[in-house]
PDB file of N, CA and C in Angstrom:
ATOM      1  N   UNK A   1      40.868 -18.667 -96.948  1.00  0.00           N
ATOM      2  CA  UNK A   1      41.671 -18.691 -95.825  1.00  0.00           C
ATOM      3  C   UNK A   1      40.345 -18.003 -94.776  1.00  0.00           C
ATOM      4  N   UNK A   2      41.071 -18.443 -93.782  1.00  0.00           N
ATOM      5  CA  UNK A   2      40.065 -17.951 -92.412  1.00  0.00           C
ATOM      6  C   UNK A   2      41.020 -16.227 -92.002  1.00  0.00           C
ATOM      7  N   UNK A   3      39.563 -15.573 -91.749  1.00  0.00           N
ATOM      8  CA  UNK A   3      40.003 -14.630 -91.131  1.00  0.00           C
ATOM      9  C   UNK A   3      39.435 -13.668 -89.679  1.00  0.00           C
ATOM     10  N   UNK A   4      39.926 -12.437 -89.331  1.00  0.00           N
ATOM     11  CA  UNK A   4      39.650 -12.392 -87.938  1.00  0.00           C
ATOM     12  C   UNK A   4      38.233 -11.239 -88.328  1.00  0.00           C
ATOM     13  N   UNK A   5      38.230 -11.263 -89.354  1.00  0.00           N
ATOM     14  CA  UNK A   5      36.783  -9.753 -89.599  1.00  0.00           C
ATOM     15  C   UNK A   5      37.625  -8.876 -89.503  1.00  0.00           C
ATOM     16  N   UNK A   6      38.969  -8.856 -88.949  1.00  0.00           N
ATOM     17  CA  UNK A   6      40.280  -7.278 -88.833  1.00  0.00           C
ATOM     18  C   UNK A   6      40.910  -7.874 -90.267  1.00  0.00           C
ATOM     19  N   UNK A   7      42.408  -6.771 -90.130  1.00  0.00           N
ATOM     20  CA  UNK A   7      43.112  -7.387 -91.293  1.00  0.00           C
ATOM     21  C   UNK A   7      44.229  -8.880 -90.682  1.00  0.00           C
ATOM     22  N   UNK A   8      44.017  -9.808 -91.547  1.00  0.00           N
ATOM     23  CA  UNK A   8      45.049 -10.927 -91.440  1.00  0.00           C
ATOM     24  C   UNK A   8      43.959 -12.078 -91.000  1.00  0.00           C
ATOM     25  N   UNK A   9      45.258 -13.163 -90.644  1.00  0.00           N
ATOM     26  CA  UNK A   9      44.509 -14.206 -90.437  1.00  0.00           C
ATOM     27  C   UNK A   9      44.150 -14.165 -89.019  1.00  0.00           C
ATOM     28  N   UNK A  10      43.256 -15.423 -88.749  1.00  0.00           N
ATOM     29  CA  UNK A  10      43.455 -15.542 -86.959  1.00  0.00           C
ATOM     30  C   UNK A  10      44.619 -16.026 -86.295  1.00  0.00           C
ATOM     31  N   UNK A  11      45.359 -16.524 -87.082  1.00  0.00           N
ATOM     32  CA  UNK A  11      46.887 -16.674 -86.473  1.00  0.00           C
ATOM     33  C   UNK A  11      47.635 -15.570 -86.133  1.00  0.00           C
ATOM     34  N   UNK A  12      47.815 -14.771 -86.877  1.00  0.00           N
ATOM     35  CA  UNK A  12      47.977 -13.477 -86.402  1.00  0.00           C
ATOM     36  C   UNK A  12      47.823 -12.599 -84.713  1.00  0.00           C
ATOM     37  N   UNK A  13      46.778 -12.887 -84.185  1.00  0.00           N
ATOM     38  CA  UNK A  13      46.536 -13.179 -82.652  1.00  0.00           C
ATOM     39  C   UNK A  13      47.777 -13.673 -81.626  1.00  0.00           C
ATOM     40  N   UNK A  14      47.741 -14.758 -82.365  1.00  0.00           N
ATOM     41  CA  UNK A  14      48.557 -15.658 -81.264  1.00  0.00           C
ATOM     42  C   UNK A  14      50.314 -14.756 -80.960  1.00  0.00           C
ATOM     43  N   UNK A  15      50.538 -14.899 -79.640  1.00  0.00           N
ATOM     44  CA  UNK A  15      51.854 -14.706 -79.695  1.00  0.00           C
ATOM     45  C   UNK A  15      53.097 -15.602 -80.016  1.00  0.00           C
ATOM     46  N   UNK A  16      53.921 -15.616 -79.685  1.00  0.00           N
ATOM     47  CA  UNK A  16      55.284 -15.721 -80.478  1.00  0.00           C
ATOM     48  C   UNK A  16      55.192 -17.334 -79.686  1.00  0.00           C
ATOM     49  N   UNK A  17      54.936 -17.465 -78.420  1.00  0.00           N
ATOM     50  CA  UNK A  17      55.002 -19.065 -77.855  1.00  0.00           C
ATOM     51  C   UNK A  17      53.981 -19.651 -78.296  1.00  0.00           C
ATOM     52  N   UNK A  18      52.958 -19.423 -78.656  1.00  0.00           N
ATOM     53  CA  UNK A  18      51.664 -19.595 -78.649  1.00  0.00           C
ATOM     54  C   UNK A  18      51.680 -20.301 -80.516  1.00  0.00           C
ATOM     55  N   UNK A  19      52.215 -19.065 -81.445  1.00  0.00           N
ATOM     56  CA  UNK A  19      52.591 -19.935 -82.525  1.00  0.00           C
ATOM     57  C   UNK A  19      53.395 -20.839 -82.696  1.00  0.00           C
ATOM     58  N   UNK A  20      54.431 -21.015 -81.693  1.00  0.00           N
ATOM     59  CA  UNK A  20      55.529 -22.140 -81.358  1.00  0.00           C
ATOM     60  C   UNK A  20      55.018 -23.099 -81.862  1.00  0.00           C
ATOM     61  N   UNK A  21      54.236 -23.246 -80.229  1.00  0.00           N
ATOM     62  CA  UNK A  21      53.032 -24.531 -80.087  1.00  0.00           C
ATOM     63  C   UNK A  21      52.610 -24.972 -80.825  1.00  0.00           C
ATOM     64  N   UNK A  22      51.789 -24.047 -81.748  1.00  0.00           N
ATOM     65  CA  UNK A  22      51.005 -24.281 -82.729  1.00  0.00           C
ATOM     66  C   UNK A  22      51.492 -24.987 -83.823  1.00  0.00           C
ATOM     67  N   UNK A  23      52.642 -24.681 -83.891  1.00  0.00           N
ATOM     68  CA  UNK A  23      53.215 -25.450 -85.400  1.00  0.00           C
ATOM     69  C   UNK A  23      53.797 -26.679 -85.250  1.00  0.00           C
ATOM     70  N   UNK A  24      54.231 -26.825 -83.943  1.00  0.00           N
ATOM     71  CA  UNK A  24      54.468 -28.249 -83.200  1.00  0.00           C
ATOM     72  C   UNK A  24      53.479 -29.421 -83.318  1.00  0.00           C
ATOM     73  N   UNK A  25      52.572 -28.682 -82.551  1.00  0.00           N
ATOM     74  CA  UNK A  25      51.134 -29.426 -82.532  1.00  0.00           C
ATOM     75  C   UNK A  25      50.784 -30.214 -84.390  1.00  0.00           C
ATOM     76  N   UNK A  26      50.966 -29.042 -84.985  1.00  0.00           N
ATOM     77  CA  UNK A  26      50.854 -29.406 -86.640  1.00  0.00           C
ATOM     78  C   UNK A  26      51.824 -30.141 -87.177  1.00  0.00           C
ATOM     79  N   UNK A  27      52.317 -30.162 -86.926  1.00  0.00           N
ATOM     80  CA  UNK A  27      53.532 -31.627 -87.186  1.00  0.00           C
ATOM     81  C   UNK A  27      53.341 -32.870 -86.451  1.00  0.00           C
ATOM     82  N   UNK A  28      52.293 -33.115 -85.431  1.00  0.00           N
ATOM     83  CA  UNK A  28      52.026 -34.107 -84.880  1.00  0.00           C
ATOM     84  C   UNK A  28      52.713 -34.298 -83.650  1.00  0.00           C
ATOM     85  N   UNK A  29      53.326 -33.425 -82.937  1.00  0.00           N
ATOM     86  CA  UNK A  29      53.764 -33.595 -81.541  1.00  0.00           C
ATOM     87  C   UNK A  29      52.891 -33.746 -80.694  1.00  0.00           C
ATOM     88  N   UNK A  30      53.124 -34.688 -79.655  1.00  0.00           N
ATOM     89  CA  UNK A  30      52.072 -34.685 -78.566  1.00  0.00           C
ATOM     90  C   UNK A  30      52.600 -33.225 -77.460  1.00  0.00           C
ATOM     91  N   UNK A  31      51.523 -33.023 -76.832  1.00  0.00           N
ATOM     92  CA  UNK A  31      51.805 -32.002 -75.734  1.00  0.00           C
ATOM     93  C   UNK A  31      53.155 -32.234 -74.725  1.00  0.00           C
ATOM     94  N   UNK A  32      52.947 -33.809 -74.367  1.00  0.00           N
ATOM     95  CA  UNK A  32      54.536 -33.950 -73.644  1.00  0.00           C
ATOM     96  C   UNK A  32      55.714 -33.778 -74.317  1.00  0.00           C
ATOM     97  N   UNK A  33      55.628 -34.225 -75.721  1.00  0.00           N
ATOM     98  CA  UNK A  33      56.798 -34.351 -76.665  1.00  0.00           C
ATOM     99  C   UNK A  33      57.378 -32.697 -76.682  1.00  0.00           C
ATOM    100  N   UNK A  34      56.167 -31.921 -76.717  1.00  0.00           N
ATOM    101  CA  UNK A  34      56.808 -30.097 -77.004  1.00  0.00           C
ATOM    102  C   UNK A  34      56.856 -29.845 -75.150  1.00  0.00           C
ATOM    103  N   UNK A  35      56.477 -30.027 -74.372  1.00  0.00           N
ATOM    104  CA  UNK A  35      57.037 -29.949 -73.246  1.00  0.00           C
ATOM    105  C   UNK A  35      58.308 -30.109 -73.058  1.00  0.00           C
ATOM    106  N   UNK A  36      58.398 -31.086 -73.651  1.00  0.00           N
ATOM    107  CA  UNK A  36      60.233 -32.103 -72.967  1.00  0.00           C
ATOM    108  C   UNK A  36      61.078 -31.070 -74.109  1.00  0.00           C
ATOM    109  N   UNK A  37      60.527 -30.638 -75.528  1.00  0.00           N
ATOM    110  CA  UNK A  37      61.611 -29.832 -76.341  1.00  0.00           C
ATOM    111  C   UNK A  37      61.543 -28.705 -75.911  1.00  0.00           C
ATOM    112  N   UNK A  38      60.446 -28.033 -75.408  1.00  0.00           N
ATOM    113  CA  UNK A  38      60.828 -26.333 -74.809  1.00  0.00           C
ATOM    114  C   UNK A  38      61.398 -26.394 -73.357  1.00  0.00           C
ATOM    115  N   UNK A  39      61.613 -27.692 -72.771  1.00  0.00           N
ATOM    116  CA  UNK A  39      61.587 -27.548 -71.631  1.00  0.00           C
ATOM    117  C   UNK A  39      61.111 -26.827 -70.297  1.00  0.00           C
ATOM    118  N   UNK A  40      59.480 -26.907 -71.125  1.00  0.00           N
ATOM    119  CA  UNK A  40      58.092 -26.354 -69.858  1.00  0.00           C
ATOM    120  C   UNK A  40      57.601 -27.617 -69.379  1.00  0.00           C
ATOM    121  N   UNK A  41      56.534 -27.403 -68.753  1.00  0.00           N
ATOM    122  CA  UNK A  41      55.814 -28.324 -67.907  1.00  0.00           C
ATOM    123  C   UNK A  41      54.750 -28.764 -68.756  1.00  0.00           C
ATOM    124  N   UNK A  42      54.533 -29.874 -68.753  1.00  0.00           N
ATOM    125  CA  UNK A  42      53.222 -30.265 -69.675  1.00  0.00           C
ATOM    126  C   UNK A  42      51.976 -29.310 -69.315  1.00  0.00           C
ATOM    127  N   UNK A  43      51.932 -28.997 -67.730  1.00  0.00           N
ATOM    128  CA  UNK A  43      50.596 -28.413 -67.968  1.00  0.00           C
ATOM    129  C   UNK A  43      50.497 -26.840 -68.662  1.00  0.00           C
ATOM    130  N   UNK A  44      51.635 -26.306 -68.824  1.00  0.00           N
ATOM    131  CA  UNK A  44      52.155 -24.959 -69.282  1.00  0.00           C
ATOM    132  C   UNK A  44      51.627 -24.963 -70.946  1.00  0.00           C
ATOM    133  N   UNK A  45      52.047 -26.720 -71.569  1.00  0.00           N
ATOM    134  CA  UNK A  45      51.776 -26.696 -73.355  1.00  0.00           C
ATOM    135  C   UNK A  45      50.435 -26.493 -73.088  1.00  0.00           C
ATOM    136  N   UNK A  46      50.116 -27.604 -72.093  1.00  0.00           N
ATOM    137  CA  UNK A  46      48.505 -27.441 -72.024  1.00  0.00           C
ATOM    138  C   UNK A  46      47.497 -26.315 -72.199  1.00  0.00           C
ATOM    139  N   UNK A  47      47.999 -25.407 -70.964  1.00  0.00           N
ATOM    140  CA  UNK A  47      47.468 -23.854 -71.368  1.00  0.00           C
ATOM    141  C   UNK A  47      47.521 -23.078 -72.443  1.00  0.00           C
ATOM    142  N   UNK A  48      48.551 -23.222 -73.175  1.00  0.00           N
ATOM    143  CA  UNK A  48      49.152 -22.988 -74.861  1.00  0.00           C
ATOM    144  C   UNK A  48      48.086 -23.469 -75.412  1.00  0.00           C
ATOM    145  N   UNK A  49      48.087 -24.825 -75.307  1.00  0.00           N
ATOM    146  CA  UNK A  49      47.036 -25.333 -76.447  1.00  0.00           C
ATOM    147  C   UNK A  49      45.530 -24.814 -76.598  1.00  0.00           C
ATOM    148  N   UNK A  50      44.720 -24.759 -75.148  1.00  0.00           N
ATOM    149  CA  UNK A  50      43.518 -24.387 -75.034  1.00  0.00           C
ATOM    150  C   UNK A  50      43.408 -23.261 -75.400  1.00  0.00           C
ATOM    151  N   UNK A  51      44.624 -21.750 -75.032  1.00  0.00           N
ATOM    152  CA  UNK A  51      44.418 -20.504 -76.056  1.00  0.00           C
ATOM    153  C   UNK A  51      44.416 -20.236 -76.727  1.00  0.00           C
ATOM    154  N   UNK A  52      45.434 -21.287 -77.875  1.00  0.00           N
ATOM    155  CA  UNK A  52      45.369 -21.594 -79.036  1.00  0.00           C
ATOM    156  C   UNK A  52      43.745 -21.769 -79.609  1.00  0.00           C
ATOM    157  N   UNK A  53      43.013 -22.986 -79.460  1.00  0.00           N
ATOM    158  CA  UNK A  53      42.087 -23.469 -79.635  1.00  0.00           C
ATOM    159  C   UNK A  53      41.163 -22.444 -79.488  1.00  0.00           C
ATOM    160  N   UNK A  54      41.060 -21.661 -78.691  1.00  0.00           N
ATOM    161  CA  UNK A  54      40.198 -20.829 -77.917  1.00  0.00           C
ATOM    162  C   UNK A  54      40.250 -19.678 -79.348  1.00  0.00           C
ATOM    163  N   UNK A  55      41.476 -19.033 -79.042  1.00  0.00           N
ATOM    164  CA  UNK A  55      41.795 -18.046 -80.330  1.00  0.00           C
ATOM    165  C   UNK A  55      41.682 -18.536 -82.157  1.00  0.00           C
ATOM    166  N   UNK A  56      41.799 -19.616 -82.206  1.00  0.00           N
ATOM    167  CA  UNK A  56      41.544 -20.267 -83.730  1.00  0.00           C
ATOM    168  C   UNK A  56      40.121 -20.862 -83.760  1.00  0.00           C
ATOM    169  N   UNK A  57      39.399 -20.744 -83.103  1.00  0.00           N
ATOM    170  CA  UNK A  57      37.701 -21.149 -82.776  1.00  0.00           C
ATOM    171  C   UNK A  57      37.961 -22.393 -83.314  1.00  0.00           C
ATOM    172  N   UNK A  58      39.078 -23.461 -82.805  1.00  0.00           N
ATOM    173  CA  UNK A  58      38.778 -25.149 -82.945  1.00  0.00           C
ATOM    174  C   UNK A  58      38.293 -26.027 -81.198  1.00  0.00           C
ATOM    175  N   UNK A  59      38.287 -26.580 -81.624  1.00  0.00           N
ATOM    176  CA  UNK A  59      38.074 -28.065 -81.053  1.00  0.00           C
ATOM    177  C   UNK A  59      38.801 -28.847 -80.348  1.00  0.00           C
ATOM    178  N   UNK A  60      39.454 -29.269 -81.536  1.00  0.00           N
ATOM    179  CA  UNK A  60      40.579 -30.322 -81.140  1.00  0.00           C
ATOM    180  C   UNK A  60      41.870 -30.025 -81.311  1.00  0.00           C
ATOM    181  N   UNK A  61      42.978 -30.695 -80.996  1.00  0.00           N
ATOM    182  CA  UNK A  61      43.935 -30.815 -82.210  1.00  0.00           C
ATOM    183  C   UNK A  61      43.969 -31.295 -83.364  1.00  0.00           C
ATOM    184  N   UNK A  62      43.781 -32.336 -83.738  1.00  0.00           N
ATOM    185  CA  UNK A  62      42.912 -32.485 -85.253  1.00  0.00           C
ATOM    186  C   UNK A  62      42.763 -31.111 -86.147  1.00  0.00           C
ATOM    187  N   UNK A  63      41.862 -30.449 -85.561  1.00  0.00           N
ATOM    188  CA  UNK A  63      41.624 -29.137 -86.310  1.00  0.00           C
ATOM    189  C   UNK A  63      42.604 -28.074 -85.908  1.00  0.00           C
ATOM    190  N   UNK A  64      43.632 -28.136 -84.912  1.00  0.00           N
ATOM    191  CA  UNK A  64      44.872 -27.341 -84.829  1.00  0.00           C
ATOM    192  C   UNK A  64      45.219 -27.909 -86.058  1.00  0.00           C
ATOM    193  N   UNK A  65      45.982 -28.910 -86.608  1.00  0.00           N
ATOM    194  CA  UNK A  65      46.484 -30.099 -87.128  1.00  0.00           C
ATOM    195  C   UNK A  65      46.245 -29.395 -88.676  1.00  0.00           C
ATOM    196  N   UNK A  66      44.954 -29.068 -88.689  1.00  0.00           N
ATOM    197  CA  UNK A  66      44.442 -29.054 -90.172  1.00  0.00           C
ATOM    198  C   UNK A  66      45.096 -27.874 -90.234  1.00  0.00           C
ATOM    199  N   UNK A  67      44.152 -26.559 -89.628  1.00  0.00           N
ATOM    200  CA  UNK A  67      44.935 -25.218 -89.495  1.00  0.00           C
ATOM    201  C   UNK A  67      46.145 -24.693 -90.068  1.00  0.00           C
ATOM    202  N   UNK A  68      46.940 -25.626 -89.206  1.00  0.00           N
ATOM    203  CA  UNK A  68      48.292 -25.291 -89.472  1.00  0.00           C
ATOM    204  C   UNK A  68      48.599 -25.503 -90.908  1.00  0.00           C
ATOM    205  N   UNK A  69      48.571 -26.804 -91.386  1.00  0.00           N
ATOM    206  CA  UNK A  69      48.651 -27.180 -92.454  1.00  0.00           C
ATOM    207  C   UNK A  69      48.030 -26.287 -94.042  1.00  0.00           C
ATOM    208  N   UNK A  70      46.746 -26.086 -93.652  1.00  0.00           N
ATOM    209  CA  UNK A  70      46.005 -25.160 -94.425  1.00  0.00           C
ATOM    210  C   UNK A  70      46.418 -23.757 -94.806  1.00  0.00           C
ATOM    211  N   UNK A  71      47.254 -23.285 -93.493  1.00  0.00           N
ATOM    212  CA  UNK A  71      47.879 -21.663 -93.296  1.00  0.00           C
ATOM    213  C   UNK A  71      49.077 -22.109 -93.892  1.00  0.00           C
ATOM    214  N   UNK A  72      49.719 -23.265 -94.513  1.00  0.00           N
ATOM    215  CA  UNK A  72      50.785 -22.948 -94.578  1.00  0.00           C
ATOM    216  C   UNK A  72      52.366 -22.802 -92.961  1.00  0.00           C
ATOM    217  N   UNK A  73      51.863 -23.102 -92.441  1.00  0.00           N
ATOM    218  CA  UNK A  73      52.508 -22.497 -91.087  1.00  0.00           C
ATOM    219  C   UNK A  73      53.854 -24.065 -90.464  1.00  0.00           C
ATOM    220  N   UNK A  74      53.600 -25.168 -91.416  1.00  0.00           N
ATOM    221  CA  UNK A  74      54.695 -26.119 -91.218  1.00  0.00           C
ATOM    222  C   UNK A  74      55.169 -26.145 -92.274  1.00  0.00           C
ATOM    223  N   UNK A  75      56.356 -26.816 -92.070  1.00  0.00           N
ATOM    224  CA  UNK A  75      57.624 -27.016 -93.634  1.00  0.00           C
ATOM    225  C   UNK A  75      56.816 -28.659 -93.543  1.00  0.00           C
TER     226      UNK A  75
END
């Protein structure tokens, strides 16, 4: 399990909206599809994705998907 060095996993540092976006990315949804689903702009979702990448020390959406699956964040 990926740890922060503190109590809990890395994704514990995410906001509720960031967690929502992470779960949708983990399911394979595109930034555009997530923006449409959440009634937000593509730029806003891209900003959330960038923050999530930074907080989870990932470089690609593929790594985020793998993280979400390994941490059992998606159904």
